[in-house]
Amino acid sequence: MTSDRILVVGGYGAVGTTVVSALDGWFPGRAVVAGRDEARARRLGGVRADVADPEGFRRTLEELGDVAAVVLCVEPPDSRVARVCLERGVHLVDIGATRRLLDGVADLHGLAAGAGATAVLSVGVAPGLTNLLARRAHEAVGGAERIDLTVLLGAGERHGADAVRWTVEGLAAPPAGAPLRTALPGHGRRTAHPFPFSDQHTLPRTLGVEQVTTRLCLDSKPLTSALFGLRAAARRPAVRRALTAAFSRIHLGGDGFAVRADARRGDLHAACAVTGREQSRVTALAAAYVTRELLTGSPPAGVHHIEQLPALAGLPEALGAHGLTVWHRDGALGT
């Protein structure tokens, strides 16, 4: 073990605080809180690091000097901060969920490989656990022709401002497919609606599956209906602003979540699912576990989505210690 530090950007936010806490348990004193709010970061013994200022970010890495890994708990506007990290040989864990940004980092594969750095993308619940479950179901049918992913989120959980904004922006995107009724452990049969999670764009490339659709519902059925009933109206900026403000203040529902993957090839069908509580907490724990693997394992250099690294295939079971339950297709999971 070395004393190389782990820079957690957004380390004082809803996800970042849990990332720092988990890493402190494994690597005492090595996790450094970073963020745009310098005063807030320094109160926690950290440093200023703004993902919208790549040159300033570069100076922060140079001043610290011994950073082994960066965990991005906030989304940068583009891939320049990722480039700053990877060209220095610094590992990167990115919990971002925007397709355009993930594709931009994926384009840095050659740079990362040449510098001996590893970047892991699609880290969290969706994308993240969705990707890992999709791979399991895909392999169970010997190569899927179609994968359907269903995500249920607790409407009562308090999410960070960026997460709320991202969800409302996604609501405005044209739906790519039709709603689907699916059985989710602990929640019964639910109607989920197509939603632009990045996994459905990533998985056709990483798994070679022709059709992947990810759908979303909330634990509150009335709120799910109301939310997707506003889909057309959400294309107007004023409506999106109002929805963002409302969801930041109003929390109706619980904090449980469920993720299910269904893979089909001809008459073959495989399904698996996970359930847990506090999606933001589990996203943070997933990021911490991935970071630990980068620092203690032997990951291949380059840029990889989480489902491309065999060492992370058992992450759902590892998160069982934190309340995650893994389900396979049987009477409890349903059809």
Protein backbone atom coordinates (compact mmCIF):
# COMPACT_ATOMS: atom_id res chain seq x y z
CA MET A 1 0.00 0.00 0.00
CA THR A 2 1.17 3.52 -0.75
CA SER A 3 0.22 6.88 0.68
CA ASP A 4 -1.15 8.03 -2.69
CA ARG A 5 -4.28 10.07 -2.19
CA ILE A 6 -7.79 9.63 -3.58
CA LEU A 7 -9.42 12.88 -4.71
CA VAL A 8 -13.21 12.74 -4.27
CA VAL A 9 -14.68 15.57 -6.32
CA GLY A 10 -18.02 16.61 -4.88
CA GLY A 11 -16.90 14.92 -1.68
CA TYR A 12 -19.20 17.05 0.47
CA GLY A 13 -22.35 16.26 -1.53
CA ALA A 14 -25.12 13.67 -1.22
CA VAL A 15 -23.05 10.93 -2.87
CA GLY A 16 -19.54 12.17 -2.13
CA THR A 17 -19.83 12.08 1.66
CA THR A 18 -20.57 8.36 1.59
CA VAL A 19 -17.75 7.73 -0.89
CA VAL A 20 -15.28 9.49 1.44
CA SER A 21 -16.57 7.62 4.49
CA ALA A 22 -16.26 4.21 2.81
CA LEU A 23 -12.79 4.94 1.46
CA ASP A 24 -11.63 6.16 4.86
CA GLY A 25 -12.51 2.75 6.25
CA TRP A 26 -10.21 1.00 3.78
CA PHE A 27 -7.56 3.67 3.23
CA PRO A 28 -7.38 5.82 6.38
CA GLY A 29 -6.34 9.38 5.70
CA ARG A 30 -6.01 8.98 1.93
CA ALA A 31 -9.40 10.30 0.75
CA VAL A 32 -9.32 14.05 0.05
CA VAL A 33 -12.56 16.03 -0.26
CA ALA A 34 -12.61 18.35 -3.27
CA GLY A 35 -15.19 20.65 -4.78
CA ARG A 36 -15.95 24.01 -6.29
CA ASP A 37 -16.87 25.49 -2.91
CA GLU A 38 -13.36 25.99 -1.52
CA ALA A 39 -14.47 27.04 1.97
CA ARG A 40 -16.69 23.99 2.33
CA ALA A 41 -13.97 21.65 1.07
CA ARG A 42 -11.30 23.13 3.33
CA ARG A 43 -13.53 22.80 6.39
CA LEU A 44 -13.32 19.06 5.71
CA GLY A 45 -9.56 19.15 5.21
CA GLY A 46 -9.89 19.20 1.43
CA VAL A 47 -9.08 21.36 -1.57
CA ARG A 48 -10.82 23.33 -4.29
CA ALA A 49 -11.36 21.50 -7.58
CA ASP A 50 -13.79 22.74 -10.21
CA VAL A 51 -14.68 20.28 -12.99
CA ALA A 52 -15.62 23.25 -15.20
CA ASP A 53 -12.01 24.53 -14.97
CA PRO A 54 -9.68 21.87 -16.43
CA GLU A 55 -6.53 23.98 -16.07
CA GLY A 56 -7.33 24.75 -12.45
CA PHE A 57 -8.00 21.03 -11.94
CA ARG A 58 -4.60 20.25 -13.44
CA ARG A 59 -2.94 22.66 -11.01
CA THR A 60 -4.71 20.99 -8.09
CA LEU A 61 -3.33 17.59 -9.13
CA GLU A 62 0.14 19.07 -9.53
CA GLU A 63 0.02 20.74 -6.12
CA LEU A 64 -1.13 17.55 -4.39
CA GLY A 65 1.43 15.58 -6.33
CA ASP A 66 0.55 12.08 -5.14
CA VAL A 67 -3.01 11.48 -6.37
CA ALA A 68 -3.57 7.85 -7.36
CA ALA A 69 -7.27 8.08 -8.24
CA VAL A 70 -10.02 10.64 -8.80
CA VAL A 71 -13.67 9.88 -8.09
CA LEU A 72 -16.05 12.20 -9.93
CA CYS A 73 -19.26 12.56 -7.91
CA VAL A 74 -20.33 15.53 -10.05
CA GLU A 75 -20.70 15.71 -13.81
CA PRO A 76 -18.21 17.88 -15.69
CA PRO A 77 -19.35 19.75 -18.80
CA ASP A 78 -17.07 17.71 -21.06
CA SER A 79 -14.22 15.18 -21.04
CA ARG A 80 -11.35 17.61 -20.43
CA VAL A 81 -11.03 16.85 -16.68
CA ALA A 82 -10.94 13.13 -17.50
CA ARG A 83 -8.15 13.84 -19.97
CA VAL A 84 -6.22 15.78 -17.30
CA CYS A 85 -6.41 12.77 -14.97
CA LEU A 86 -5.69 10.01 -17.47
CA GLU A 87 -2.75 11.67 -19.18
CA ARG A 88 -1.07 11.88 -15.76
CA GLY A 89 -1.66 8.17 -15.14
CA VAL A 90 -4.33 8.87 -12.50
CA HIS A 91 -7.15 6.32 -12.26
CA LEU A 92 -10.69 7.66 -12.71
CA VAL A 93 -14.09 6.54 -11.40
CA ASP A 94 -17.01 8.40 -12.97
CA ILE A 95 -20.55 8.11 -11.63
CA GLY A 96 -21.91 10.26 -14.47
CA ALA A 97 -24.99 9.13 -16.37
CA THR A 98 -25.06 11.35 -19.47
CA ARG A 99 -24.43 9.50 -22.72
CA ARG A 100 -22.58 12.35 -24.42
CA LEU A 101 -20.14 12.76 -21.55
CA LEU A 102 -19.49 9.03 -21.14
CA ASP A 103 -18.83 8.69 -24.87
CA GLY A 104 -16.34 11.56 -24.65
CA VAL A 105 -14.39 9.81 -21.89
CA ALA A 106 -14.57 6.47 -23.72
CA ASP A 107 -12.80 8.16 -26.64
CA LEU A 108 -9.77 8.59 -24.33
CA HIS A 109 -9.16 4.82 -24.14
CA GLY A 110 -5.90 4.97 -26.06
CA LEU A 111 -4.60 7.87 -23.97
CA ALA A 112 -5.42 6.06 -20.73
CA ALA A 113 -3.89 2.80 -21.87
CA GLY A 114 -0.70 4.56 -22.92
CA ALA A 115 -0.41 6.25 -19.52
CA GLY A 116 -1.18 3.08 -17.56
CA ALA A 117 -4.36 4.53 -16.10
CA THR A 118 -7.78 2.91 -15.78
CA ALA A 119 -11.11 4.74 -16.01
CA VAL A 120 -14.33 3.00 -15.00
CA LEU A 121 -17.60 4.40 -16.33
CA SER A 122 -21.26 3.55 -15.64
CA VAL A 123 -20.74 3.32 -11.88
CA GLY A 124 -23.79 3.47 -9.63
CA VAL A 125 -27.31 2.08 -9.75
CA ALA A 126 -28.47 3.14 -13.23
CA PRO A 127 -26.13 3.01 -14.99
CA GLY A 128 -24.05 0.59 -12.96
CA LEU A 129 -26.05 -2.21 -11.38
CA THR A 130 -28.24 -2.18 -14.49
CA ASN A 131 -25.16 -2.91 -16.61
CA LEU A 132 -23.98 -5.74 -14.37
CA LEU A 133 -27.41 -7.38 -14.24
CA ALA A 134 -27.78 -6.99 -18.00
CA ARG A 135 -24.54 -8.89 -18.52
CA ARG A 136 -25.68 -11.72 -16.21
CA ALA A 137 -29.00 -12.10 -17.99
CA HIS A 138 -27.32 -11.80 -21.38
CA GLU A 139 -24.89 -14.62 -20.59
CA ALA A 140 -27.66 -16.77 -19.09
CA VAL A 141 -29.44 -16.99 -22.47
CA GLY A 142 -26.23 -17.45 -24.41
CA GLY A 143 -26.32 -14.02 -25.98
CA ALA A 144 -29.47 -11.89 -25.87
CA GLU A 145 -31.27 -10.45 -28.83
CA ARG A 146 -33.12 -8.03 -26.57
CA ILE A 147 -32.63 -6.71 -23.04
CA ASP A 148 -35.24 -4.80 -21.05
CA LEU A 149 -34.04 -2.93 -17.97
CA THR A 150 -36.51 -1.64 -15.38
CA VAL A 151 -35.58 0.87 -12.68
CA LEU A 152 -37.84 1.80 -9.76
CA LEU A 153 -36.68 4.70 -7.59
CA GLY A 154 -38.03 5.90 -4.27
CA ALA A 155 -39.76 9.24 -4.68
CA GLY A 156 -39.20 10.04 -1.02
CA GLU A 157 -35.40 10.00 -1.19
CA ARG A 158 -33.64 13.35 -1.08
CA HIS A 159 -31.38 13.63 -4.10
CA GLY A 160 -28.73 16.20 -4.90
CA ALA A 161 -29.60 19.16 -7.13
CA ASP A 162 -27.66 17.73 -10.09
CA ALA A 163 -29.55 14.42 -9.89
CA VAL A 164 -32.94 16.16 -9.81
CA ARG A 165 -31.99 18.38 -12.73
CA TRP A 166 -30.73 15.40 -14.75
CA THR A 167 -33.96 13.47 -14.17
CA VAL A 168 -36.16 16.35 -15.27
CA GLU A 169 -34.04 16.90 -18.38
CA GLY A 170 -34.40 13.21 -19.19
CA LEU A 171 -38.17 13.48 -18.90
CA ALA A 172 -38.13 15.95 -21.79
CA ALA A 173 -36.37 13.52 -24.14
CA PRO A 174 -38.57 11.77 -26.73
CA PRO A 175 -39.41 8.25 -25.45
CA ALA A 176 -37.55 5.43 -27.25
CA GLY A 177 -40.12 2.66 -26.94
CA ALA A 178 -43.36 1.85 -25.18
CA PRO A 179 -44.19 1.45 -21.46
CA LEU A 180 -43.87 -2.07 -20.05
CA ARG A 181 -45.47 -3.82 -17.06
CA THR A 182 -42.90 -5.72 -15.03
CA ALA A 183 -42.86 -7.54 -11.70
CA LEU A 184 -40.41 -6.00 -9.24
CA PRO A 185 -39.54 -7.73 -5.95
CA GLY A 186 -41.35 -6.08 -3.08
CA HIS A 187 -43.29 -3.74 -5.36
CA GLY A 188 -45.55 -6.01 -7.41
CA ARG A 189 -46.26 -5.45 -11.09
CA ARG A 190 -45.45 -1.91 -12.14
CA THR A 191 -45.71 0.08 -15.37
CA ALA A 192 -42.35 1.59 -16.28
CA HIS A 193 -41.72 4.16 -19.01
CA PRO A 194 -38.77 4.49 -21.41
CA PHE A 195 -36.17 6.86 -20.00
CA PRO A 196 -32.80 7.96 -21.47
CA PHE A 197 -30.43 6.19 -19.07
CA SER A 198 -27.04 5.81 -20.70
CA ASP A 199 -26.87 2.03 -20.19
CA GLN A 200 -29.22 1.35 -23.12
CA HIS A 201 -26.74 3.09 -25.44
CA THR A 202 -23.63 1.53 -23.89
CA LEU A 203 -24.75 -2.11 -23.69
CA PRO A 204 -25.35 -2.64 -27.42
CA ARG A 205 -21.64 -1.89 -27.89
CA THR A 206 -20.19 -3.69 -24.87
CA LEU A 207 -22.43 -6.77 -25.03
CA GLY A 208 -23.29 -6.84 -28.72
CA VAL A 209 -27.05 -6.78 -28.07
CA GLU A 210 -29.18 -5.34 -30.83
CA GLN A 211 -31.99 -3.89 -28.68
CA VAL A 212 -31.71 -2.52 -25.14
CA THR A 213 -34.40 -0.38 -23.51
CA THR A 214 -34.31 1.08 -19.99
CA ARG A 215 -37.55 2.10 -18.31
CA LEU A 216 -38.28 4.07 -15.14
CA CYS A 217 -41.03 4.20 -12.55
CA LEU A 218 -41.31 5.57 -9.02
CA ASP A 219 -42.43 3.74 -5.90
CA SER A 220 -45.54 5.94 -5.92
CA LYS A 221 -47.91 4.84 -8.70
CA PRO A 222 -49.85 8.15 -8.79
CA LEU A 223 -46.62 10.13 -8.95
CA THR A 224 -45.32 7.93 -11.76
CA SER A 225 -48.50 8.57 -13.76
CA ALA A 226 -48.34 12.30 -13.07
CA LEU A 227 -44.66 12.53 -13.93
CA PHE A 228 -44.88 10.82 -17.29
CA GLY A 229 -48.16 12.55 -18.03
CA LEU A 230 -46.13 15.76 -18.08
CA ARG A 231 -43.64 14.41 -20.59
CA ALA A 232 -44.79 16.57 -23.50
CA ALA A 233 -45.07 19.69 -21.32
CA ALA A 234 -41.56 19.10 -19.96
CA ARG A 235 -40.09 20.02 -23.34
CA ARG A 236 -40.72 23.64 -22.35
CA PRO A 237 -37.87 25.16 -20.27
CA ALA A 238 -40.28 26.92 -17.89
CA VAL A 239 -41.99 23.62 -17.06
CA ARG A 240 -38.64 21.91 -16.46
CA ARG A 241 -37.62 24.67 -14.07
CA ALA A 242 -40.89 24.32 -12.17
CA LEU A 243 -40.55 20.53 -11.99
CA THR A 244 -36.95 20.77 -10.78
CA ALA A 245 -37.99 23.15 -8.01
CA ALA A 246 -40.95 20.95 -7.04
CA PHE A 247 -38.95 17.71 -6.87
CA SER A 248 -36.25 19.43 -4.83
CA ARG A 249 -38.85 20.37 -2.18
CA ILE A 250 -41.47 17.63 -2.28
CA HIS A 251 -40.64 14.05 -1.26
CA LEU A 252 -43.64 11.72 -1.54
CA GLY A 253 -42.82 8.06 -1.13
CA GLY A 254 -40.10 5.90 0.36
CA ASP A 255 -36.39 5.44 -0.24
CA GLY A 256 -36.45 1.90 -1.62
CA PHE A 257 -35.35 1.09 -5.15
CA ALA A 258 -35.38 -1.92 -7.47
CA VAL A 259 -33.56 -2.77 -10.68
CA ARG A 260 -34.46 -5.67 -12.98
CA ALA A 261 -32.86 -7.01 -16.17
CA ASP A 262 -34.68 -9.30 -18.61
CA ALA A 263 -32.79 -10.91 -21.49
CA ARG A 264 -34.46 -12.77 -24.34
CA ARG A 265 -33.15 -14.90 -27.19
CA GLY A 266 -35.84 -16.69 -29.12
CA ASP A 267 -37.85 -18.66 -26.55
CA LEU A 268 -35.14 -18.30 -23.91
CA HIS A 269 -35.67 -15.81 -21.10
CA ALA A 270 -33.47 -14.95 -18.11
CA ALA A 271 -34.12 -12.33 -15.46
CA CYS A 272 -32.38 -11.04 -12.36
CA ALA A 273 -32.93 -8.10 -10.04
CA VAL A 274 -31.65 -6.24 -7.03
CA THR A 275 -33.48 -4.28 -4.37
CA GLY A 276 -32.20 -1.91 -1.73
CA ARG A 277 -32.66 1.39 0.02
CA GLU A 278 -31.24 4.86 -0.62
CA GLN A 279 -30.16 4.87 -4.23
CA SER A 280 -27.68 7.71 -3.67
CA ARG A 281 -25.98 5.76 -0.86
CA VAL A 282 -25.70 2.62 -2.97
CA THR A 283 -24.33 4.64 -5.89
CA ALA A 284 -21.67 6.00 -3.54
CA LEU A 285 -20.82 2.56 -2.18
CA ALA A 286 -20.52 1.18 -5.71
CA ALA A 287 -18.08 3.99 -6.54
CA ALA A 288 -16.07 3.25 -3.40
CA TYR A 289 -15.85 -0.47 -4.17
CA VAL A 290 -14.77 0.24 -7.74
CA THR A 291 -12.11 2.65 -6.48
CA ARG A 292 -10.82 0.01 -4.07
CA GLU A 293 -10.53 -2.47 -6.92
CA LEU A 294 -8.53 0.02 -8.98
CA LEU A 295 -6.10 0.58 -6.12
CA THR A 296 -5.72 -2.99 -4.87
CA GLY A 297 -6.44 -5.15 -7.92
CA SER A 298 -4.89 -5.45 -11.37
CA PRO A 299 -7.35 -3.68 -13.66
CA PRO A 300 -6.49 -3.39 -17.35
CA ALA A 301 -5.41 0.07 -18.42
CA GLY A 302 -7.79 2.04 -20.59
CA VAL A 303 -11.39 3.21 -20.33
CA HIS A 304 -13.99 0.57 -19.49
CA HIS A 305 -17.65 0.46 -18.56
CA ILE A 306 -18.29 -1.43 -15.34
CA GLU A 307 -19.68 -4.53 -17.05
CA GLN A 308 -16.46 -4.93 -19.05
CA LEU A 309 -14.34 -5.67 -15.97
CA PRO A 310 -14.76 -9.27 -14.69
CA ALA A 311 -13.34 -8.31 -11.29
CA LEU A 312 -16.46 -6.18 -10.69
CA ALA A 313 -19.01 -8.84 -11.69
CA GLY A 314 -19.64 -9.72 -8.03
CA LEU A 315 -20.35 -6.15 -6.95
CA PRO A 316 -24.09 -6.76 -6.32
CA GLU A 317 -23.24 -9.53 -3.84
CA ALA A 318 -20.53 -7.41 -2.24
CA LEU A 319 -23.13 -4.70 -1.65
CA GLY A 320 -25.23 -7.26 0.21
CA ALA A 321 -23.32 -6.19 3.31
CA HIS A 322 -25.02 -2.81 2.87
CA GLY A 323 -28.57 -4.06 2.45
CA LEU A 324 -28.69 -4.91 -1.26
CA THR A 325 -30.64 -8.09 -2.10
CA VAL A 326 -29.98 -10.03 -5.31
CA TRP A 327 -32.92 -11.87 -6.92
CA HIS A 328 -32.95 -14.43 -9.72
CA ARG A 329 -35.85 -15.59 -11.82
CA ASP A 330 -38.05 -17.70 -9.59
CA GLY A 331 -41.40 -17.35 -7.85
CA ALA A 332 -40.18 -14.41 -5.80
CA LEU A 333 -39.05 -12.44 -8.82
CA GLY A 334 -42.00 -13.17 -11.06
CA THR A 335 -42.26 -12.88 -14.81
